[in-house]
Protein backbone atom coordinates (compact mmCIF):
# COMPACT_ATOMS: atom_id res chain seq x y z
CA MET A 1 56.60 6.49 11.62
CA THR A 2 53.56 6.11 9.41
CA LYS A 3 50.51 6.46 11.60
CA LEU A 4 47.69 3.96 11.72
CA GLN A 5 44.66 5.18 9.83
CA ARG A 6 41.90 6.64 11.98
CA PRO A 7 39.57 3.76 12.82
CA LYS A 8 36.02 3.64 11.60
CA TRP A 9 33.35 3.49 14.26
CA LYS A 10 30.64 1.00 13.41
CA PHE A 11 27.57 -0.25 15.20
CA PRO A 12 24.89 -2.70 14.07
CA ASP A 13 21.44 -1.65 12.98
CA CYS A 14 18.99 -2.48 15.71
CA ASP A 15 15.22 -2.83 15.35
CA THR A 16 13.69 -0.61 18.03
CA ASN A 17 10.54 -2.72 18.07
CA ALA A 18 12.63 -5.84 18.73
CA VAL A 19 14.45 -3.99 21.53
CA ASP A 20 11.18 -2.94 23.17
CA THR A 21 9.74 -6.46 22.86
CA LEU A 22 12.78 -8.16 24.38
CA ALA A 23 13.04 -5.56 27.15
CA SER A 24 9.40 -6.19 28.03
CA ASP A 25 9.70 -10.00 27.79
CA LEU A 26 12.70 -10.11 30.12
CA ASN A 27 11.86 -7.09 32.27
CA ILE A 28 15.21 -5.46 31.52
CA ASN A 29 16.41 -2.01 30.48
CA PRO A 30 16.05 -1.33 26.73
CA LEU A 31 19.83 -0.72 26.50
CA THR A 32 20.41 -4.19 27.96
CA ALA A 33 18.00 -5.62 25.38
CA ARG A 34 19.94 -3.78 22.69
CA LEU A 35 23.21 -5.37 23.87
CA LEU A 36 21.65 -8.82 23.67
CA ILE A 37 20.25 -8.23 20.18
CA ASN A 38 23.62 -6.86 19.02
CA ARG A 39 25.07 -10.23 20.06
CA GLY A 40 22.52 -12.17 18.02
CA LEU A 41 20.23 -12.94 20.96
CA SER A 42 16.93 -11.53 19.76
CA THR A 43 14.45 -14.00 21.27
CA ARG A 44 13.45 -14.60 24.86
CA GLU A 45 14.64 -18.21 24.62
CA ALA A 46 18.08 -17.37 23.20
CA ALA A 47 18.60 -14.52 25.65
CA ASN A 48 17.57 -16.60 28.66
CA ARG A 49 19.91 -19.39 27.57
CA PHE A 50 22.74 -16.87 27.35
CA LEU A 51 21.94 -15.13 30.63
CA LYS A 52 21.55 -18.39 32.55
CA PRO A 53 24.45 -20.69 31.58
CA ASP A 54 24.00 -24.28 32.70
CA TYR A 55 25.86 -27.56 32.32
CA ASP A 56 22.73 -28.87 30.59
CA GLN A 57 23.62 -26.60 27.65
CA LEU A 58 26.78 -28.61 26.90
CA HIS A 59 26.54 -30.72 23.77
CA ASP A 60 26.89 -34.49 23.73
CA PRO A 61 30.60 -35.30 23.23
CA MET A 62 29.62 -38.26 21.07
CA LEU A 63 28.55 -35.81 18.35
CA LEU A 64 32.21 -34.93 17.71
CA PRO A 65 33.69 -36.76 14.72
CA ASP A 66 35.41 -40.06 15.59
CA MET A 67 34.54 -39.68 19.27
CA GLU A 68 33.11 -43.18 19.50
CA LEU A 69 36.33 -44.62 18.05
CA ALA A 70 38.52 -42.44 20.26
CA SER A 71 36.70 -43.04 23.55
CA GLU A 72 36.44 -46.80 23.02
CA ARG A 73 40.13 -47.10 22.12
CA ILE A 74 41.16 -45.11 25.21
CA ALA A 75 38.84 -47.17 27.41
CA ILE A 76 40.36 -50.39 26.09
CA ALA A 77 43.87 -49.05 26.77
CA ILE A 78 42.94 -48.17 30.34
CA GLU A 79 41.23 -51.45 31.10
CA SER A 80 43.99 -53.58 29.56
CA GLY A 81 46.83 -51.68 31.24
CA GLU A 82 48.41 -50.31 28.05
CA LYS A 83 50.79 -47.42 28.41
CA ILE A 84 49.25 -44.22 27.07
CA PHE A 85 51.44 -41.32 25.96
CA VAL A 86 49.89 -37.83 25.88
CA HIS A 87 51.65 -35.34 23.60
CA GLY A 88 50.64 -31.72 24.14
CA ASP A 89 51.64 -28.20 23.15
CA TYR A 90 53.60 -25.46 24.89
CA ASP A 91 50.97 -22.70 25.21
CA VAL A 92 48.24 -22.31 27.84
CA ASP A 93 45.71 -24.24 25.77
CA GLY A 94 48.17 -27.08 25.17
CA VAL A 95 49.32 -27.20 28.79
CA THR A 96 45.80 -27.16 30.26
CA SER A 97 44.52 -29.74 27.79
CA THR A 98 47.45 -32.03 28.60
CA ALA A 99 46.72 -31.54 32.30
CA VAL A 100 43.07 -32.52 31.76
CA TYR A 101 44.19 -35.73 30.07
CA VAL A 102 46.84 -36.64 32.61
CA ARG A 103 44.73 -35.86 35.67
CA THR A 104 41.68 -37.71 34.33
CA LEU A 105 43.59 -40.71 33.03
CA LYS A 106 45.41 -41.09 36.35
CA SER A 107 42.12 -40.88 38.24
CA LEU A 108 40.90 -43.71 36.01
CA LYS A 109 44.03 -45.72 37.01
CA ALA A 110 45.56 -45.52 33.53
CA ASP A 111 49.27 -46.09 32.92
CA VAL A 112 50.10 -42.70 31.45
CA GLU A 113 53.21 -40.77 30.40
CA TYR A 114 53.18 -37.28 28.95
CA LYS A 115 55.20 -34.62 27.22
CA VAL A 116 54.80 -31.01 26.16
CA PRO A 117 57.51 -30.17 23.64
CA HIS A 118 60.27 -27.63 24.16
CA ARG A 119 59.65 -24.89 21.60
CA GLN A 120 63.32 -24.36 20.79
CA THR A 121 64.60 -27.96 20.75
CA ASP A 122 61.52 -30.05 19.89
CA GLY A 123 59.45 -27.67 17.79
CA TYR A 124 55.69 -27.62 17.43
CA ASP A 125 53.45 -30.68 17.02
CA LEU A 126 53.95 -34.41 17.24
CA ARG A 127 57.17 -35.29 15.40
CA ILE A 128 59.26 -38.38 14.75
CA ALA A 129 61.30 -37.75 17.90
CA GLY A 130 58.11 -37.56 19.94
CA VAL A 131 56.98 -40.91 18.57
CA ASP A 132 60.38 -42.40 19.38
CA ARG A 133 60.05 -41.17 22.95
CA ALA A 134 56.62 -42.79 23.26
CA ASN A 135 58.00 -46.01 21.79
CA GLU A 136 60.96 -46.06 24.18
CA LEU A 137 58.53 -45.74 27.09
CA GLY A 138 56.57 -48.71 25.78
CA ALA A 139 53.45 -46.78 24.78
CA THR A 140 50.95 -48.46 22.47
CA LEU A 141 48.64 -45.45 22.27
CA ILE A 142 49.47 -41.78 21.69
CA ILE A 143 46.89 -39.07 22.33
CA THR A 144 47.70 -35.67 20.86
CA SER A 145 46.46 -32.68 22.77
CA ASP A 146 45.92 -29.35 20.97
CA CYS A 147 48.01 -30.57 18.05
CA GLY A 148 48.37 -33.39 15.52
CA ILE A 149 45.96 -32.44 12.76
CA LEU A 150 48.87 -31.91 10.33
CA ALA A 151 51.33 -34.44 11.81
CA PHE A 152 51.07 -36.81 8.84
CA ASP A 153 54.62 -38.20 8.82
CA ALA A 154 54.86 -38.72 12.57
CA ILE A 155 51.51 -40.52 12.69
CA ASP A 156 52.43 -42.77 9.77
CA TYR A 157 55.72 -43.52 11.55
CA ALA A 158 53.87 -44.39 14.76
CA SER A 159 51.64 -46.75 12.81
CA SER A 160 54.71 -48.49 11.38
CA LEU A 161 55.84 -49.14 14.97
CA GLY A 162 52.47 -50.56 15.94
CA ILE A 163 51.45 -47.51 17.97
CA ASP A 164 47.90 -46.21 17.59
CA VAL A 165 47.42 -42.44 17.52
CA ILE A 166 44.30 -40.52 18.50
CA VAL A 167 44.40 -36.91 17.33
CA THR A 168 42.45 -34.41 19.42
CA ASP A 169 42.91 -30.92 18.06
CA HIS A 170 41.02 -27.75 17.18
CA HIS A 171 43.33 -26.28 14.54
CA GLU A 172 42.17 -26.05 10.94
CA PRO A 173 42.65 -29.36 9.06
CA GLY A 174 44.45 -29.39 5.72
CA ASP A 175 42.97 -30.92 2.58
CA ARG A 176 43.35 -34.39 4.09
CA LEU A 177 43.29 -35.96 7.55
CA PRO A 178 46.18 -37.87 9.12
CA ASN A 179 46.00 -41.68 9.11
CA ALA A 180 45.22 -41.91 12.81
CA CYS A 181 42.83 -44.40 14.39
CA ALA A 182 40.64 -41.42 15.35
CA VAL A 183 40.71 -37.69 14.53
CA VAL A 184 38.58 -35.68 16.94
CA ASN A 185 38.36 -32.12 15.64
CA PRO A 186 35.24 -29.94 15.49
CA HIS A 187 36.59 -28.20 12.37
CA ARG A 188 36.48 -31.33 10.22
CA VAL A 189 34.40 -30.68 7.12
CA ASP A 190 32.27 -33.72 7.95
CA SER A 191 31.69 -32.66 11.55
CA LYS A 192 28.10 -32.49 12.74
CA TYR A 193 29.05 -31.03 16.09
CA PRO A 194 26.81 -28.01 16.87
CA PHE A 195 29.64 -25.74 18.06
CA PRO A 196 32.96 -25.76 16.17
CA HIS A 197 34.81 -23.17 18.28
CA LEU A 198 36.14 -25.29 21.12
CA ALA A 199 39.68 -24.68 22.34
CA GLY A 200 42.10 -27.59 22.38
CA VAL A 201 41.32 -28.00 26.07
CA GLY A 202 37.62 -28.11 25.22
CA VAL A 203 38.23 -31.00 22.82
CA ALA A 204 40.34 -32.79 25.44
CA PHE A 205 37.63 -32.24 28.05
CA LYS A 206 34.97 -33.65 25.72
CA THR A 207 37.14 -36.67 24.94
CA MET A 208 37.66 -37.46 28.60
CA GLN A 209 33.97 -36.90 29.31
CA ALA A 210 33.17 -39.59 26.74
CA VAL A 211 35.72 -41.95 28.30
CA VAL A 212 34.39 -41.35 31.82
CA ARG A 213 30.88 -42.05 30.52
CA LEU A 214 32.09 -45.42 29.24
CA ILE A 215 34.13 -46.47 32.26
CA LYS A 216 32.53 -44.70 35.24
CA PRO A 217 29.21 -43.24 34.12
CA ASP A 218 28.19 -42.36 37.68
CA PHE A 219 31.14 -39.93 37.85
CA GLU A 220 30.34 -37.97 34.67
CA GLN A 221 28.68 -35.05 36.45
CA SER A 222 31.46 -34.72 39.02
CA PHE A 223 34.01 -34.86 36.18
CA LEU A 224 32.39 -31.84 34.54
CA ARG A 225 32.88 -29.79 37.69
CA LYS A 226 36.31 -31.10 38.57
CA PHE A 227 38.15 -29.79 35.52
CA VAL A 228 36.11 -26.81 34.34
CA ASP A 229 38.71 -24.49 35.95
CA LEU A 230 41.40 -25.78 33.58
CA VAL A 231 39.02 -25.60 30.62
CA ALA A 232 38.23 -21.97 31.38
CA CYS A 233 41.93 -21.04 31.50
CA GLY A 234 42.75 -22.60 28.13
CA THR A 235 39.59 -21.28 26.47
CA ILE A 236 40.19 -17.68 27.57
CA ALA A 237 43.93 -17.77 26.83
CA ASP A 238 43.34 -19.09 23.30
CA VAL A 239 40.84 -16.26 22.68
CA MET A 240 37.97 -18.57 21.79
CA PRO A 241 34.47 -17.10 21.30
CA LEU A 242 32.78 -16.89 24.71
CA VAL A 243 29.41 -18.06 23.45
CA ASP A 244 27.55 -21.38 23.45
CA GLU A 245 29.57 -24.08 25.25
CA ASN A 246 32.54 -21.83 25.87
CA ARG A 247 30.33 -19.43 27.80
CA VAL A 248 29.23 -22.32 30.04
CA PHE A 249 32.84 -23.44 30.54
CA VAL A 250 34.05 -19.96 31.43
CA TRP A 251 31.03 -18.93 33.51
CA TYR A 252 31.41 -21.99 35.74
CA GLY A 253 35.19 -22.09 35.40
CA LEU A 254 35.75 -18.60 36.82
CA LYS A 255 33.65 -19.53 39.84
CA ALA A 256 35.57 -22.78 40.24
CA LEU A 257 38.91 -20.93 40.02
CA ALA A 258 37.92 -18.80 43.01
CA THR A 259 37.82 -21.92 45.19
CA THR A 260 40.03 -24.34 43.23
CA ASN A 261 41.85 -26.99 45.23
CA LYS A 262 44.60 -27.29 42.60
CA PRO A 263 47.74 -25.83 44.26
CA GLY A 264 49.25 -24.73 40.95
CA LEU A 265 46.21 -22.74 39.90
CA ARG A 266 45.91 -21.20 43.37
CA ALA A 267 49.55 -20.04 43.28
CA LEU A 268 49.20 -18.77 39.74
CA ILE A 269 46.05 -16.79 40.49
CA LYS A 270 47.72 -15.24 43.53
CA ALA A 271 50.61 -14.09 41.32
CA SER A 272 48.27 -12.89 38.55
CA GLN A 273 45.73 -10.84 40.52
CA MET A 274 46.65 -7.19 40.85
CA ASP A 275 43.85 -6.72 43.37
CA ALA A 276 43.04 -9.79 45.43
CA SER A 277 39.84 -8.15 46.70
CA LYS A 278 38.30 -8.25 43.24
CA PRO A 279 36.74 -11.35 41.67
CA ILE A 280 38.58 -13.47 39.11
CA THR A 281 37.58 -12.40 35.61
CA THR A 282 38.55 -13.13 32.04
CA TYR A 283 40.97 -10.20 32.39
CA THR A 284 42.72 -11.99 35.29
CA ILE A 285 43.25 -15.02 33.07
CA GLY A 286 44.00 -13.28 29.79
CA PHE A 287 46.39 -10.64 31.09
CA GLY A 288 47.69 -12.14 34.33
CA LEU A 289 47.73 -15.91 34.27
CA ALA A 290 48.11 -16.63 30.55
CA PRO A 291 51.23 -14.48 29.91
CA ARG A 292 53.05 -16.21 32.77
CA VAL A 293 52.26 -19.70 31.51
CA ASN A 294 53.01 -18.78 27.91
CA ALA A 295 56.27 -17.05 28.88
CA VAL A 296 57.99 -20.21 30.05
CA GLY A 297 56.92 -21.99 26.85
CA ARG A 298 58.25 -19.10 24.77
CA MET A 299 61.57 -18.72 26.57
CA ASP A 300 62.36 -22.18 27.96
CA ASP A 301 60.61 -25.46 28.77
CA ALA A 302 56.80 -25.49 29.08
CA ASP A 303 57.12 -28.63 31.21
CA VAL A 304 57.51 -26.22 34.15
CA ALA A 305 54.00 -24.92 33.46
CA LEU A 306 52.61 -28.43 33.06
CA GLN A 307 54.11 -29.56 36.36
CA LEU A 308 52.45 -26.52 37.94
CA MET A 309 49.07 -27.68 36.62
CA LEU A 310 49.66 -31.21 37.92
CA THR A 311 51.33 -30.75 41.30
CA GLN A 312 49.56 -31.43 44.59
CA ASP A 313 52.35 -29.73 46.55
CA ALA A 314 51.61 -26.11 47.52
CA ALA A 315 55.27 -25.30 48.30
CA LEU A 316 56.41 -26.67 44.94
CA ALA A 317 53.66 -24.69 43.23
CA GLU A 318 55.03 -21.45 44.74
CA GLN A 319 58.52 -22.32 43.46
CA LEU A 320 57.24 -23.09 39.98
CA VAL A 321 55.25 -19.84 39.83
CA SER A 322 58.40 -17.95 40.82
CA GLN A 323 60.12 -19.50 37.80
CA LEU A 324 57.23 -18.48 35.56
CA ASN A 325 57.41 -14.92 36.86
CA SER A 326 61.13 -14.75 36.07
CA TRP A 327 60.60 -16.05 32.56
CA ASN A 328 57.81 -13.54 32.05
CA VAL A 329 60.19 -10.69 32.83
CA GLU A 330 62.69 -12.16 30.34
CA ARG A 331 59.92 -12.42 27.77
CA GLN A 332 58.92 -8.79 28.23
CA THR A 333 62.51 -7.65 27.72
CA ALA A 334 62.99 -9.73 24.57
CA GLN A 335 59.63 -8.60 23.21
CA LYS A 336 60.50 -4.91 23.57
CA GLN A 337 63.87 -5.37 21.87
CA ILE A 338 62.50 -7.36 18.94
CA PHE A 339 59.55 -5.02 18.43
CA ALA A 340 61.85 -1.98 18.35
CA GLN A 341 64.04 -3.69 15.73
CA ALA A 342 60.96 -4.73 13.75
CA LEU A 343 59.67 -1.14 13.63
CA GLU A 344 63.04 0.02 12.32
CA MET A 345 62.96 -2.65 9.61
CA VAL A 346 59.44 -1.73 8.53
CA GLU A 347 60.46 1.89 8.08
CA ALA A 348 63.82 1.12 6.45
CA GLN A 349 62.30 -1.37 4.00
CA GLY A 350 59.14 0.65 3.35
CA LYS A 351 56.88 -2.24 4.31
CA GLN A 352 54.26 -0.24 6.17
CA ASN A 353 52.03 -0.30 3.09
CA SER A 354 52.58 -3.95 2.16
CA ASN A 355 49.55 -6.20 1.95
CA VAL A 356 51.34 -8.44 4.46
CA ILE A 357 54.32 -7.27 6.52
CA VAL A 358 56.90 -10.09 6.47
CA LEU A 359 60.05 -9.56 8.54
CA ALA A 360 62.92 -11.95 9.22
CA SER A 361 66.08 -11.64 11.25
CA GLU A 362 68.70 -13.71 12.97
CA GLY A 363 68.90 -13.54 16.75
CA TRP A 364 65.18 -13.19 17.36
CA ASN A 365 63.59 -15.57 19.85
CA SER A 366 61.11 -17.73 17.98
CA GLY A 367 58.94 -17.92 21.08
CA VAL A 368 58.36 -14.17 21.12
CA VAL A 369 57.87 -13.38 17.43
CA GLY A 370 54.12 -14.11 17.61
CA ILE A 371 53.61 -11.33 20.15
CA VAL A 372 55.67 -8.98 17.99
CA ALA A 373 53.58 -9.89 14.94
CA GLY A 374 50.47 -9.01 16.93
CA LYS A 375 51.91 -5.64 17.92
CA LEU A 376 52.78 -4.91 14.28
CA VAL A 377 49.15 -5.60 13.35
CA GLU A 378 48.05 -3.17 16.08
CA THR A 379 50.50 -0.54 14.81
CA PHE A 380 49.95 -0.78 11.04
CA TYR A 381 46.69 -2.75 10.78
CA ARG A 382 48.09 -5.18 8.27
CA PRO A 383 48.65 -8.93 8.48
CA ALA A 384 52.16 -9.53 9.81
CA ILE A 385 54.56 -12.46 9.90
CA VAL A 386 57.73 -12.29 11.98
CA ILE A 387 60.37 -14.95 11.35
CA ALA A 388 63.28 -15.90 13.61
CA LEU A 389 66.18 -17.08 11.44
CA ASP A 390 68.77 -19.68 12.41
CA LYS A 391 71.55 -19.32 9.84
CA GLU A 392 73.50 -22.25 11.28
CA LYS A 393 70.62 -24.59 10.56
CA GLY A 394 69.50 -22.65 7.48
CA THR A 395 65.95 -22.47 8.80
CA GLY A 396 63.39 -19.99 10.04
CA LYS A 397 60.44 -20.23 12.44
CA GLY A 398 57.71 -17.65 12.10
CA SER A 399 54.42 -16.58 13.61
CA ALA A 400 51.62 -14.79 11.79
CA ARG A 401 48.77 -12.57 12.94
CA SER A 402 46.04 -11.20 10.71
CA VAL A 403 43.20 -8.71 10.38
CA GLU A 404 39.54 -9.28 9.67
CA GLY A 405 38.99 -10.14 6.03
CA PHE A 406 42.12 -12.22 5.45
CA ASN A 407 42.30 -15.84 6.59
CA ILE A 408 46.02 -16.04 7.27
CA VAL A 409 46.27 -19.81 7.53
CA GLU A 410 44.54 -20.27 4.15
CA GLY A 411 46.90 -17.74 2.58
CA ILE A 412 49.93 -19.46 4.07
CA GLN A 413 48.73 -22.89 2.96
CA GLN A 414 48.77 -21.65 -0.65
CA CYS A 415 52.53 -21.21 -0.16
CA ALA A 416 52.97 -24.64 1.40
CA HIS A 417 55.44 -25.68 -1.30
CA LEU A 418 57.86 -23.12 0.16
CA LEU A 419 57.42 -24.24 3.75
CA THR A 420 58.52 -27.10 5.95
CA SER A 421 55.55 -26.68 8.27
CA CYS A 422 52.45 -24.53 8.70
CA GLY A 423 49.23 -24.53 10.63
CA GLY A 424 46.94 -22.45 12.78
CA HIS A 425 43.72 -20.46 12.71
CA GLU A 426 42.09 -17.76 10.61
CA MET A 427 43.74 -14.98 12.62
CA ALA A 428 46.98 -16.65 13.81
CA ALA A 429 49.35 -19.23 12.41
CA GLY A 430 52.88 -20.60 12.58
CA ILE A 431 55.33 -21.55 9.84
CA GLY A 432 58.70 -23.19 9.31
CA LEU A 433 60.82 -22.68 6.21
CA SER A 434 64.32 -22.68 4.75
CA LEU A 435 66.29 -19.44 4.63
CA GLU A 436 66.45 -19.47 0.84
CA ASN A 437 62.65 -19.43 0.62
CA VAL A 438 62.00 -16.41 2.85
CA GLU A 439 61.97 -13.79 0.09
CA GLU A 440 59.92 -15.91 -2.29
CA PHE A 441 57.46 -16.68 0.49
CA ASN A 442 57.15 -12.94 1.17
CA ARG A 443 56.55 -12.23 -2.52
CA GLN A 444 53.98 -14.97 -3.08
CA LEU A 445 52.04 -14.33 0.11
CA ASN A 446 51.76 -10.64 -0.73
CA LEU A 447 50.45 -11.54 -4.19
CA ILE A 448 47.87 -13.84 -2.63
CA ALA A 449 46.84 -11.17 -0.12
CA ALA A 450 46.50 -8.61 -2.92
CA LYS A 451 43.72 -10.75 -4.39
CA HIS A 452 41.82 -11.08 -1.12
CA VAL A 453 42.54 -7.92 0.89
CA SER A 454 40.94 -4.65 -0.17
CA ALA A 455 41.93 -1.16 0.93
CA GLU A 456 38.78 -1.17 3.04
CA ASP A 457 40.02 -4.28 4.89
CA LEU A 458 43.12 -2.37 5.97
CA VAL A 459 41.21 0.36 7.77
CA PRO A 460 40.81 -0.54 11.46
CA ILE A 461 37.29 -0.83 12.76
CA MET A 462 36.11 -0.07 16.27
CA ARG A 463 32.72 -1.66 16.85
CA HIS A 464 30.30 -0.37 19.43
CA ASP A 465 26.71 -0.88 20.48
CA GLY A 466 25.20 2.41 19.36
CA ILE A 467 25.08 6.18 19.87
CA ILE A 468 23.53 7.24 23.17
CA GLU A 469 23.41 10.12 25.62
CA PRO A 470 25.89 9.56 28.48
CA SER A 471 23.15 10.41 30.96
CA GLU A 472 21.43 7.13 29.99
CA ILE A 473 24.12 5.22 31.90
CA SER A 474 23.58 4.65 35.62
CA VAL A 475 25.14 2.48 38.32
CA GLU A 476 21.93 0.43 38.41
CA LEU A 477 22.14 -0.21 34.66
CA LEU A 478 25.80 -1.24 34.90
CA GLU A 479 24.89 -3.66 37.68
CA GLU A 480 22.27 -5.17 35.36
CA TRP A 481 24.93 -5.60 32.68
CA GLU A 482 26.98 -7.78 35.01
CA MET A 483 24.72 -10.68 34.02
CA LEU A 484 26.20 -10.45 30.50
CA ALA A 485 29.65 -11.38 31.84
CA PRO A 486 32.06 -13.08 31.37
CA PHE A 487 33.19 -10.82 28.57
CA GLY A 488 35.62 -11.75 25.84
CA GLU A 489 35.76 -12.76 22.19
CA LYS A 490 32.31 -12.47 20.53
CA ASN A 491 30.89 -11.15 23.79
CA PRO A 492 32.78 -7.88 24.27
CA GLU A 493 32.24 -5.46 27.11
CA PRO A 494 29.49 -2.98 26.20
CA ARG A 495 30.79 -0.02 24.20
CA PHE A 496 28.87 3.07 23.21
CA ALA A 497 29.53 6.32 21.39
CA SER A 498 28.32 9.78 22.34
CA THR A 499 28.57 12.92 20.25
CA LYS A 500 28.92 16.64 20.91
CA ILE A 501 30.04 16.24 24.52
CA GLY A 502 31.67 19.15 26.32
CA VAL A 503 34.98 18.81 28.12
CA GLU A 504 35.16 20.42 31.57
CA TYR A 505 38.87 19.70 31.94
CA ALA A 506 41.57 17.34 30.65
CA LYS A 507 44.77 16.37 32.43
CA ARG A 508 47.55 13.82 32.34
CA ILE A 509 47.68 11.17 35.06
CA GLY A 510 49.90 8.24 36.02
CA LYS A 511 53.51 7.99 37.12
CA ASP A 512 54.78 8.79 33.64
CA LEU A 513 51.82 11.09 32.83
CA SER A 514 50.98 8.94 29.82
CA HIS A 515 47.30 8.50 30.70
CA LEU A 516 44.35 10.83 30.29
CA ARG A 517 41.60 11.92 32.66
CA LEU A 518 38.66 13.90 31.33
CA ARG A 519 35.75 15.44 33.12
CA LEU A 520 32.81 15.48 30.76
CA ASN A 521 30.26 18.25 31.02
CA LEU A 522 26.82 16.74 30.50
CA GLY A 523 24.92 19.97 31.20
CA ALA A 524 22.59 20.94 34.02
CA GLY A 525 25.51 20.74 36.42
CA GLN A 526 26.06 17.04 35.65
CA GLY A 527 29.40 15.48 34.77
CA THR A 528 31.12 12.14 34.32
CA ASP A 529 34.76 11.14 34.68
CA CYS A 530 36.51 9.48 31.75
CA VAL A 531 39.92 7.78 31.78
CA GLY A 532 42.01 6.95 28.71
CA TRP A 533 44.94 4.62 29.28
CA GLY A 534 47.97 5.57 27.19
CA GLN A 535 46.11 8.53 25.66
CA GLY A 536 47.67 11.40 27.60
CA ASP A 537 48.75 13.20 24.43
CA TRP A 538 45.15 14.31 23.89
CA VAL A 539 45.65 16.88 26.67
CA ASP A 540 47.55 19.08 24.20
CA GLN A 541 44.44 19.33 22.00
CA LEU A 542 41.69 19.59 24.60
CA ASN A 543 40.64 22.35 26.96
CA GLY A 544 37.58 23.57 28.80
CA ASN A 545 36.04 24.80 25.54
CA SER A 546 36.48 21.55 23.61
CA THR A 547 33.56 19.53 22.27
CA ILE A 548 34.23 15.91 21.41
CA ASP A 549 32.77 12.68 20.13
CA LEU A 550 33.88 9.71 22.20
CA LEU A 551 33.69 5.94 22.14
CA TYR A 552 33.87 4.31 25.56
CA THR A 553 33.14 1.41 27.86
CA PRO A 554 30.95 2.41 30.82
CA GLN A 555 32.21 1.08 34.16
CA ILE A 556 31.54 1.30 37.87
CA ASN A 557 34.33 3.07 39.73
CA VAL A 558 34.51 2.40 43.47
CA TRP A 559 36.16 5.12 45.55
CA ASN A 560 35.79 5.57 49.32
CA GLU A 561 33.04 2.94 49.23
CA ARG A 562 31.04 5.04 46.76
CA ARG A 563 30.06 3.57 43.40
CA ASN A 564 30.02 5.98 40.47
CA VAL A 565 29.81 5.75 36.70
CA GLN A 566 33.11 6.15 34.89
CA PHE A 567 33.85 5.85 31.17
CA GLU A 568 36.94 4.04 29.94
CA LEU A 569 37.90 5.82 26.74
CA ARG A 570 38.48 3.75 23.59
CA ASP A 571 38.71 6.57 21.04
CA LEU A 572 37.80 10.23 20.70
CA ARG A 573 37.56 12.93 18.06
CA GLN A 574 37.12 16.64 18.03
CA TYR A 575 33.43 17.19 17.36
CA GLU A 576 33.95 18.88 13.99
CA ASP A 577 35.23 15.55 12.66
CA GLY A 578 31.84 13.99 13.30
CA LEU A 579 31.03 10.31 13.71
């Protein structure tokens, strides 16, 4: 297999005077000040705001486009007893945002029905069939949740039936907006909202906050605290930037999750935590909770996940989580099989050097192809689209993942004439198309990418916070860094590089011996342990005489109640290669 190019290590220039000033202003370690400046927080005011999240930092929901129209229409529907139909999406963001709507609307005594579509039978977004369902139930108002920004035909159809539609979404709009009675989306070109990077659940939360303010203003503050656990889950799972409002949501949300009274979340956290003694973190959500919720939406009916978010019955919650666990195992099996087949196709078709890797095959589960596309990007560092074909229907459903430098949804939209559906974000998107258009879509998208993607864009980059001496890291410093958490998109865990470091020993660890443990020789009898997950092969090239450059995340390792510094390896090189 063609190997991924060696990644470039990059770190931002940092003004040492600015570091010293901020360190002095905040009475913090200069390395901590450097981390803040690397994240764009160079003033005392900006840093304090970041380090001390508060509900007061949330922006006024009325600044979102069409929020006045949306909140007033929902309030009227509640007060007049109209039936409201909430139409969501089948991923974590869609499920949690739908749960925020349903729980809040019910607490406001609204007459509400709801639906998250089945990926295989209903497809993505609000469609004609979804409108028909709302109409059959007698709904006069549809609220879309984490979808709807491109549902032009369905919304026009709803209007023809006398049903109002309020779109609440965070996906990129097309060149026009749907003819809904309100379109609440922070990515609208006319939006004046200060922070455009809300998840779908964030938009839903803001919408309900505005409605609560209209109907029960005395309950607005308690509303903020009641649902921030759900908002945190959807925000983390959808890999939204953990800055500004999202930092507030997640900072408070993780604390709320630790004591949540929602039986479904309690059961899900219990199943997701590998070590119940440790606090709930973004890792717990992103790699424990989210895959379980997403799995049922990928493999079967996401309504199971929604019922989990809504139930008040602890016993039922345990049963539903058991179903999610089973579907997650099924998802893992399907993912491995499809990825193995995809790798074979890339090699056989010579696509490893394409501007965009486009693969299509019958028999692939359309709910899993997005994960496979992501793994192809990791393997070849090229945008990838994986399409599940249904030859009986003559259609294909695909998912795309991209690399920095190529806005995949904009590229796909330039091929819209070949597609039946498309939508998404800069780094991830979904498509629908006819079988006969697959090859032409592949050809045209690669031509488009050739104009926008340079050879430099296709070299992976590993960003870090600077080159330091390992001896600069202490347990006390790492404890200070805990105030930078929660970590995630746009607020990564601290990473540093060190050069010309001696290796005392290297050995394989783990049940399958696939992992690496290094003991670094820092001189003067000092050493630090370093662990590299999945990097055991380096043992064959390292010995007690080796000198390396390494890029790592410093961590606190607790063993026998002792707290020591440990480095989690991200990348390494023999010293002669240099930085």
